[in-house]
Amino acid sequence: MMRRTLPWLPWIAMIAALAATAYQLRVQGRLWMCSCEYLLLWSGDAWSSDNSQHLLDPYSFTHVLHGFVFYGLLALIVPRLPAIWRLTLAVSIEAVWEVVENSEFVIQRYREGTAALGYTGDTVVNSLSDIVLCGLGFMVAQRLGFRRTLAVFVVIEVLLAFWIRDNLSLNILMLIYPVDAIKEWQAAGH
């Protein structure tokens, strides 16, 4: 008996993950878009109140890096799973992270442990954009292969460290184990 596949099923699953995330973020009290009542495609000042409120901001690059990491981890953990389903899994994991990241507990943790003193959480639009960028990062990593993906990862991390005094590695470190010297260095940047 031939097994019938439904090629559109992973795409429906990803759309469902986006919809469920939007719903959960609204339940948590997140605004659809910036309270400023306009939507920017890009907000480049990581220290302004527009950060995490519009479609794209400097932290958007860290979500592309999430996609790089998920591609590598899922290729190791479930190598026989078709790539489209690994992408679906990566998008779903990122969706869960967006809900957790915007919980009061994590928002408070960012305020206490990092230089993000005024952080109030992401808008729904920003979170959905972050999820899509993670998926894009996954697909880029799939095309680039390990070495080139690693090189791009390092370049983005270094550029972000110089540009906004933060990056994915520092973000994780400061969320889990805040270092006062790093927090002071980050705060001196704005």
C-alpha atoms as a PDB file:
ATOM      1  CA  MET A   1       0.000   0.000   0.000  1.00  0.00           C
ATOM      2  CA  MET A   2       1.404   3.358  -0.998  1.00  0.00           C
ATOM      3  CA  ARG A   3       1.526   5.982   1.710  1.00  0.00           C
ATOM      4  CA  ARG A   4      -0.131   9.191   0.626  1.00  0.00           C
ATOM      5  CA  THR A   5       1.540  12.434   1.581  1.00  0.00           C
ATOM      6  CA  LEU A   6      -0.059  15.800   1.956  1.00  0.00           C
ATOM      7  CA  PRO A   7       2.566  18.315   0.809  1.00  0.00           C
ATOM      8  CA  TRP A   8       0.644  21.301   2.150  1.00  0.00           C
ATOM      9  CA  LEU A   9       0.230  19.896   5.667  1.00  0.00           C
ATOM     10  CA  PRO A  10       3.515  21.307   7.067  1.00  0.00           C
ATOM     11  CA  TRP A  11       2.599  24.773   5.751  1.00  0.00           C
ATOM     12  CA  ILE A  12      -0.807  24.568   7.418  1.00  0.00           C
ATOM     13  CA  ALA A  13       0.914  23.495  10.643  1.00  0.00           C
ATOM     14  CA  MET A  14       3.219  26.538  10.457  1.00  0.00           C
ATOM     15  CA  ILE A  15       0.300  28.892   9.818  1.00  0.00           C
ATOM     16  CA  ALA A  16      -1.514  27.290  12.761  1.00  0.00           C
ATOM     17  CA  ALA A  17       1.558  27.874  14.957  1.00  0.00           C
ATOM     18  CA  LEU A  18       1.580  31.550  13.949  1.00  0.00           C
ATOM     19  CA  ALA A  19      -2.150  31.890  14.636  1.00  0.00           C
ATOM     20  CA  ALA A  20      -1.891  30.127  18.004  1.00  0.00           C
ATOM     21  CA  THR A  21       1.034  32.365  18.959  1.00  0.00           C
ATOM     22  CA  ALA A  22      -0.878  35.514  18.023  1.00  0.00           C
ATOM     23  CA  TYR A  23      -3.839  34.338  20.086  1.00  0.00           C
ATOM     24  CA  GLN A  24      -1.709  33.453  23.117  1.00  0.00           C
ATOM     25  CA  LEU A  25       0.209  36.736  22.971  1.00  0.00           C
ATOM     26  CA  ARG A  26      -3.074  38.670  22.893  1.00  0.00           C
ATOM     27  CA  VAL A  27      -4.302  36.644  25.886  1.00  0.00           C
ATOM     28  CA  GLN A  28      -1.084  37.694  27.669  1.00  0.00           C
ATOM     29  CA  GLY A  29      -1.956  41.330  26.959  1.00  0.00           C
ATOM     30  CA  ARG A  30       0.486  41.990  24.111  1.00  0.00           C
ATOM     31  CA  LEU A  31      -0.612  44.717  21.694  1.00  0.00           C
ATOM     32  CA  TRP A  32      -1.091  43.878  18.020  1.00  0.00           C
ATOM     33  CA  MET A  33       1.213  46.712  17.045  1.00  0.00           C
ATOM     34  CA  CYS A  34       3.016  49.663  18.561  1.00  0.00           C
ATOM     35  CA  SER A  35       0.907  51.887  20.815  1.00  0.00           C
ATOM     36  CA  CYS A  36       2.368  54.754  18.759  1.00  0.00           C
ATOM     37  CA  GLU A  37      -0.371  53.829  16.231  1.00  0.00           C
ATOM     38  CA  TYR A  38       1.932  53.403  13.237  1.00  0.00           C
ATOM     39  CA  LEU A  39       3.894  50.451  11.936  1.00  0.00           C
ATOM     40  CA  LEU A  40       7.484  50.700  10.746  1.00  0.00           C
ATOM     41  CA  LEU A  41       9.119  48.133   8.532  1.00  0.00           C
ATOM     42  CA  TRP A  42      12.436  48.835  10.316  1.00  0.00           C
ATOM     43  CA  SER A  43      13.237  50.376  13.684  1.00  0.00           C
ATOM     44  CA  GLY A  44      17.030  50.581  13.924  1.00  0.00           C
ATOM     45  CA  ASP A  45      17.503  52.048  17.396  1.00  0.00           C
ATOM     46  CA  ALA A  46      17.794  49.128  19.810  1.00  0.00           C
ATOM     47  CA  TRP A  47      17.492  51.525  22.778  1.00  0.00           C
ATOM     48  CA  SER A  48      14.321  53.339  21.708  1.00  0.00           C
ATOM     49  CA  SER A  49      10.759  52.595  22.745  1.00  0.00           C
ATOM     50  CA  ASP A  50      10.183  51.433  19.145  1.00  0.00           C
ATOM     51  CA  ASN A  51      12.407  48.391  19.683  1.00  0.00           C
ATOM     52  CA  SER A  52      10.431  45.127  19.564  1.00  0.00           C
ATOM     53  CA  GLN A  53       7.305  47.068  18.580  1.00  0.00           C
ATOM     54  CA  HIS A  54       7.547  47.064  14.773  1.00  0.00           C
ATOM     55  CA  LEU A  55       8.213  44.478  12.090  1.00  0.00           C
ATOM     56  CA  LEU A  56      12.010  44.471  12.169  1.00  0.00           C
ATOM     57  CA  ASP A  57      14.676  45.740  14.561  1.00  0.00           C
ATOM     58  CA  PRO A  58      18.313  44.887  15.342  1.00  0.00           C
ATOM     59  CA  TYR A  59      17.196  41.883  17.401  1.00  0.00           C
ATOM     60  CA  SER A  60      15.543  40.432  14.297  1.00  0.00           C
ATOM     61  CA  PHE A  61      19.003  39.176  13.318  1.00  0.00           C
ATOM     62  CA  THR A  62      19.116  37.028  16.476  1.00  0.00           C
ATOM     63  CA  HIS A  63      15.963  35.255  15.338  1.00  0.00           C
ATOM     64  CA  VAL A  64      17.631  34.413  12.023  1.00  0.00           C
ATOM     65  CA  LEU A  65      20.395  32.916  14.173  1.00  0.00           C
ATOM     66  CA  HIS A  66      17.762  30.889  16.056  1.00  0.00           C
ATOM     67  CA  GLY A  67      16.915  29.366  12.674  1.00  0.00           C
ATOM     68  CA  PHE A  68      20.585  28.537  12.084  1.00  0.00           C
ATOM     69  CA  VAL A  69      20.809  26.815  15.462  1.00  0.00           C
ATOM     70  CA  PHE A  70      17.528  24.925  15.028  1.00  0.00           C
ATOM     71  CA  TYR A  71      18.610  23.724  11.595  1.00  0.00           C
ATOM     72  CA  GLY A  72      21.812  22.262  13.012  1.00  0.00           C
ATOM     73  CA  LEU A  73      20.236  20.757  16.116  1.00  0.00           C
ATOM     74  CA  LEU A  74      17.297  19.206  14.281  1.00  0.00           C
ATOM     75  CA  ALA A  75      19.598  17.791  11.579  1.00  0.00           C
ATOM     76  CA  LEU A  76      21.473  16.027  14.389  1.00  0.00           C
ATOM     77  CA  ILE A  77      18.463  14.992  16.477  1.00  0.00           C
ATOM     78  CA  VAL A  78      16.004  13.939  13.746  1.00  0.00           C
ATOM     79  CA  PRO A  79      18.072  13.532  10.559  1.00  0.00           C
ATOM     80  CA  ARG A  80      15.548  11.227   8.892  1.00  0.00           C
ATOM     81  CA  LEU A  81      12.675  13.673   9.322  1.00  0.00           C
ATOM     82  CA  PRO A  82      12.028  15.445   6.008  1.00  0.00           C
ATOM     83  CA  ALA A  83      13.450  18.986   5.894  1.00  0.00           C
ATOM     84  CA  ILE A  84       9.991  20.560   5.588  1.00  0.00           C
ATOM     85  CA  TRP A  85       8.932  18.901   8.838  1.00  0.00           C
ATOM     86  CA  ARG A  86      12.159  19.984  10.551  1.00  0.00           C
ATOM     87  CA  LEU A  87      11.322  23.529   9.394  1.00  0.00           C
ATOM     88  CA  THR A  88       7.840  23.124  10.840  1.00  0.00           C
ATOM     89  CA  LEU A  89       9.341  21.938  14.110  1.00  0.00           C
ATOM     90  CA  ALA A  90      11.784  24.895  14.180  1.00  0.00           C
ATOM     91  CA  VAL A  91       8.971  27.377  13.548  1.00  0.00           C
ATOM     92  CA  SER A  92       6.886  25.731  16.274  1.00  0.00           C
ATOM     93  CA  ILE A  93       9.745  25.865  18.794  1.00  0.00           C
ATOM     94  CA  GLU A  94      10.320  29.534  17.953  1.00  0.00           C
ATOM     95  CA  ALA A  95       6.586  30.183  18.378  1.00  0.00           C
ATOM     96  CA  VAL A  96       6.692  28.662  21.862  1.00  0.00           C
ATOM     97  CA  TRP A  97       9.754  30.783  22.660  1.00  0.00           C
ATOM     98  CA  GLU A  98       7.933  33.964  21.603  1.00  0.00           C
ATOM     99  CA  VAL A  99       5.121  33.172  24.031  1.00  0.00           C
ATOM    100  CA  VAL A 100       7.580  32.388  26.843  1.00  0.00           C
ATOM    101  CA  GLU A 101       9.754  35.425  26.035  1.00  0.00           C
ATOM    102  CA  ASN A 102       6.719  37.670  26.381  1.00  0.00           C
ATOM    103  CA  SER A 103       5.552  36.219  29.679  1.00  0.00           C
ATOM    104  CA  GLU A 104       5.702  38.554  32.668  1.00  0.00           C
ATOM    105  CA  PHE A 105       8.344  36.330  34.288  1.00  0.00           C
ATOM    106  CA  VAL A 106      10.792  36.592  31.365  1.00  0.00           C
ATOM    107  CA  ILE A 107      10.071  40.282  30.761  1.00  0.00           C
ATOM    108  CA  GLN A 108      10.879  40.950  34.414  1.00  0.00           C
ATOM    109  CA  ARG A 109      14.010  38.823  34.103  1.00  0.00           C
ATOM    110  CA  TYR A 110      15.165  40.928  31.142  1.00  0.00           C
ATOM    111  CA  ARG A 111      14.570  44.091  33.154  1.00  0.00           C
ATOM    112  CA  GLU A 112      16.518  42.802  36.162  1.00  0.00           C
ATOM    113  CA  GLY A 113      19.337  40.893  34.498  1.00  0.00           C
ATOM    114  CA  THR A 114      20.078  42.852  31.359  1.00  0.00           C
ATOM    115  CA  ALA A 115      20.459  46.432  30.208  1.00  0.00           C
ATOM    116  CA  ALA A 116      16.874  46.304  28.873  1.00  0.00           C
ATOM    117  CA  LEU A 117      15.473  48.234  31.835  1.00  0.00           C
ATOM    118  CA  GLY A 118      12.411  49.568  30.004  1.00  0.00           C
ATOM    119  CA  TYR A 119      11.590  46.393  28.088  1.00  0.00           C
ATOM    120  CA  THR A 120       7.841  45.793  28.027  1.00  0.00           C
ATOM    121  CA  GLY A 121       7.677  42.838  25.661  1.00  0.00           C
ATOM    122  CA  ASP A 122       7.105  42.474  21.942  1.00  0.00           C
ATOM    123  CA  THR A 123       4.046  43.382  19.933  1.00  0.00           C
ATOM    124  CA  VAL A 124       2.247  40.535  18.196  1.00  0.00           C
ATOM    125  CA  VAL A 125       3.448  41.852  14.829  1.00  0.00           C
ATOM    126  CA  ASN A 126       7.071  41.830  16.016  1.00  0.00           C
ATOM    127  CA  SER A 127       6.771  38.317  17.462  1.00  0.00           C
ATOM    128  CA  LEU A 128       5.236  36.947  14.272  1.00  0.00           C
ATOM    129  CA  SER A 129       8.007  38.598  12.276  1.00  0.00           C
ATOM    130  CA  ASP A 130      10.581  36.992  14.591  1.00  0.00           C
ATOM    131  CA  ILE A 131       9.068  33.562  13.972  1.00  0.00           C
ATOM    132  CA  VAL A 132       9.123  34.050  10.204  1.00  0.00           C
ATOM    133  CA  LEU A 133      12.769  35.205  10.414  1.00  0.00           C
ATOM    134  CA  CYS A 134      13.649  32.056  12.349  1.00  0.00           C
ATOM    135  CA  GLY A 135      12.133  30.016   9.522  1.00  0.00           C
ATOM    136  CA  LEU A 136      14.096  32.074   7.013  1.00  0.00           C
ATOM    137  CA  GLY A 137      17.292  31.453   9.006  1.00  0.00           C
ATOM    138  CA  PHE A 138      16.544  27.723   8.945  1.00  0.00           C
ATOM    139  CA  MET A 139      16.182  27.773   5.154  1.00  0.00           C
ATOM    140  CA  VAL A 140      19.350  29.865   4.693  1.00  0.00           C
ATOM    141  CA  ALA A 141      21.321  27.423   6.865  1.00  0.00           C
ATOM    142  CA  GLN A 142      19.993  24.530   4.815  1.00  0.00           C
ATOM    143  CA  ARG A 143      21.325  26.158   1.630  1.00  0.00           C
ATOM    144  CA  LEU A 144      24.651  27.365   3.039  1.00  0.00           C
ATOM    145  CA  GLY A 145      25.800  24.198   4.776  1.00  0.00           C
ATOM    146  CA  PHE A 146      27.573  23.990   8.112  1.00  0.00           C
ATOM    147  CA  ARG A 147      30.791  25.948   7.499  1.00  0.00           C
ATOM    148  CA  ARG A 148      29.254  28.914   5.732  1.00  0.00           C
ATOM    149  CA  THR A 149      26.379  29.045   8.221  1.00  0.00           C
ATOM    150  CA  LEU A 150      28.861  29.051  11.093  1.00  0.00           C
ATOM    151  CA  ALA A 151      30.833  31.861   9.430  1.00  0.00           C
ATOM    152  CA  VAL A 152      27.689  33.967   8.905  1.00  0.00           C
ATOM    153  CA  PHE A 153      26.622  33.231  12.497  1.00  0.00           C
ATOM    154  CA  VAL A 154      29.938  34.516  13.872  1.00  0.00           C
ATOM    155  CA  VAL A 155      29.883  37.607  11.644  1.00  0.00           C
ATOM    156  CA  ILE A 156      26.346  38.514  12.748  1.00  0.00           C
ATOM    157  CA  GLU A 157      27.232  37.987  16.416  1.00  0.00           C
ATOM    158  CA  VAL A 158      30.304  40.221  16.132  1.00  0.00           C
ATOM    159  CA  LEU A 159      28.474  42.925  14.184  1.00  0.00           C
ATOM    160  CA  LEU A 160      25.625  42.985  16.714  1.00  0.00           C
ATOM    161  CA  ALA A 161      28.095  43.182  19.617  1.00  0.00           C
ATOM    162  CA  PHE A 162      29.683  46.283  18.096  1.00  0.00           C
ATOM    163  CA  TRP A 163      26.430  47.809  16.828  1.00  0.00           C
ATOM    164  CA  ILE A 164      24.031  47.337  19.769  1.00  0.00           C
ATOM    165  CA  ARG A 165      26.322  45.834  22.413  1.00  0.00           C
ATOM    166  CA  ASP A 166      24.168  42.725  22.440  1.00  0.00           C
ATOM    167  CA  ASN A 167      23.755  39.558  20.409  1.00  0.00           C
ATOM    168  CA  LEU A 168      22.295  36.080  20.764  1.00  0.00           C
ATOM    169  CA  SER A 169      25.123  34.735  22.927  1.00  0.00           C
ATOM    170  CA  LEU A 170      25.111  37.732  25.285  1.00  0.00           C
ATOM    171  CA  ASN A 171      21.327  37.690  25.413  1.00  0.00           C
ATOM    172  CA  ILE A 172      21.277  34.057  26.540  1.00  0.00           C
ATOM    173  CA  LEU A 173      24.107  34.578  29.032  1.00  0.00           C
ATOM    174  CA  MET A 174      22.533  37.678  30.575  1.00  0.00           C
ATOM    175  CA  LEU A 175      19.117  36.052  30.801  1.00  0.00           C
ATOM    176  CA  ILE A 176      20.483  32.953  32.555  1.00  0.00           C
ATOM    177  CA  TYR A 177      23.467  34.324  34.472  1.00  0.00           C
ATOM    178  CA  PRO A 178      23.711  38.139  34.472  1.00  0.00           C
ATOM    179  CA  VAL A 179      27.235  39.548  34.615  1.00  0.00           C
ATOM    180  CA  ASP A 180      27.443  43.062  36.062  1.00  0.00           C
ATOM    181  CA  ALA A 181      30.437  44.067  33.923  1.00  0.00           C
ATOM    182  CA  ILE A 182      28.567  43.117  30.729  1.00  0.00           C
ATOM    183  CA  LYS A 183      25.428  44.907  31.894  1.00  0.00           C
ATOM    184  CA  GLU A 184      27.465  48.074  32.558  1.00  0.00           C
ATOM    185  CA  TRP A 185      29.181  47.821  29.155  1.00  0.00           C
ATOM    186  CA  GLN A 186      25.809  47.381  27.438  1.00  0.00           C
ATOM    187  CA  ALA A 187      24.242  50.296  29.336  1.00  0.00           C
ATOM    188  CA  ALA A 188      27.150  52.582  28.393  1.00  0.00           C
ATOM    189  CA  GLY A 189      26.228  52.095  24.741  1.00  0.00           C
ATOM    190  CA  HIS A 190      23.098  54.203  24.793  1.00  0.00           C
END
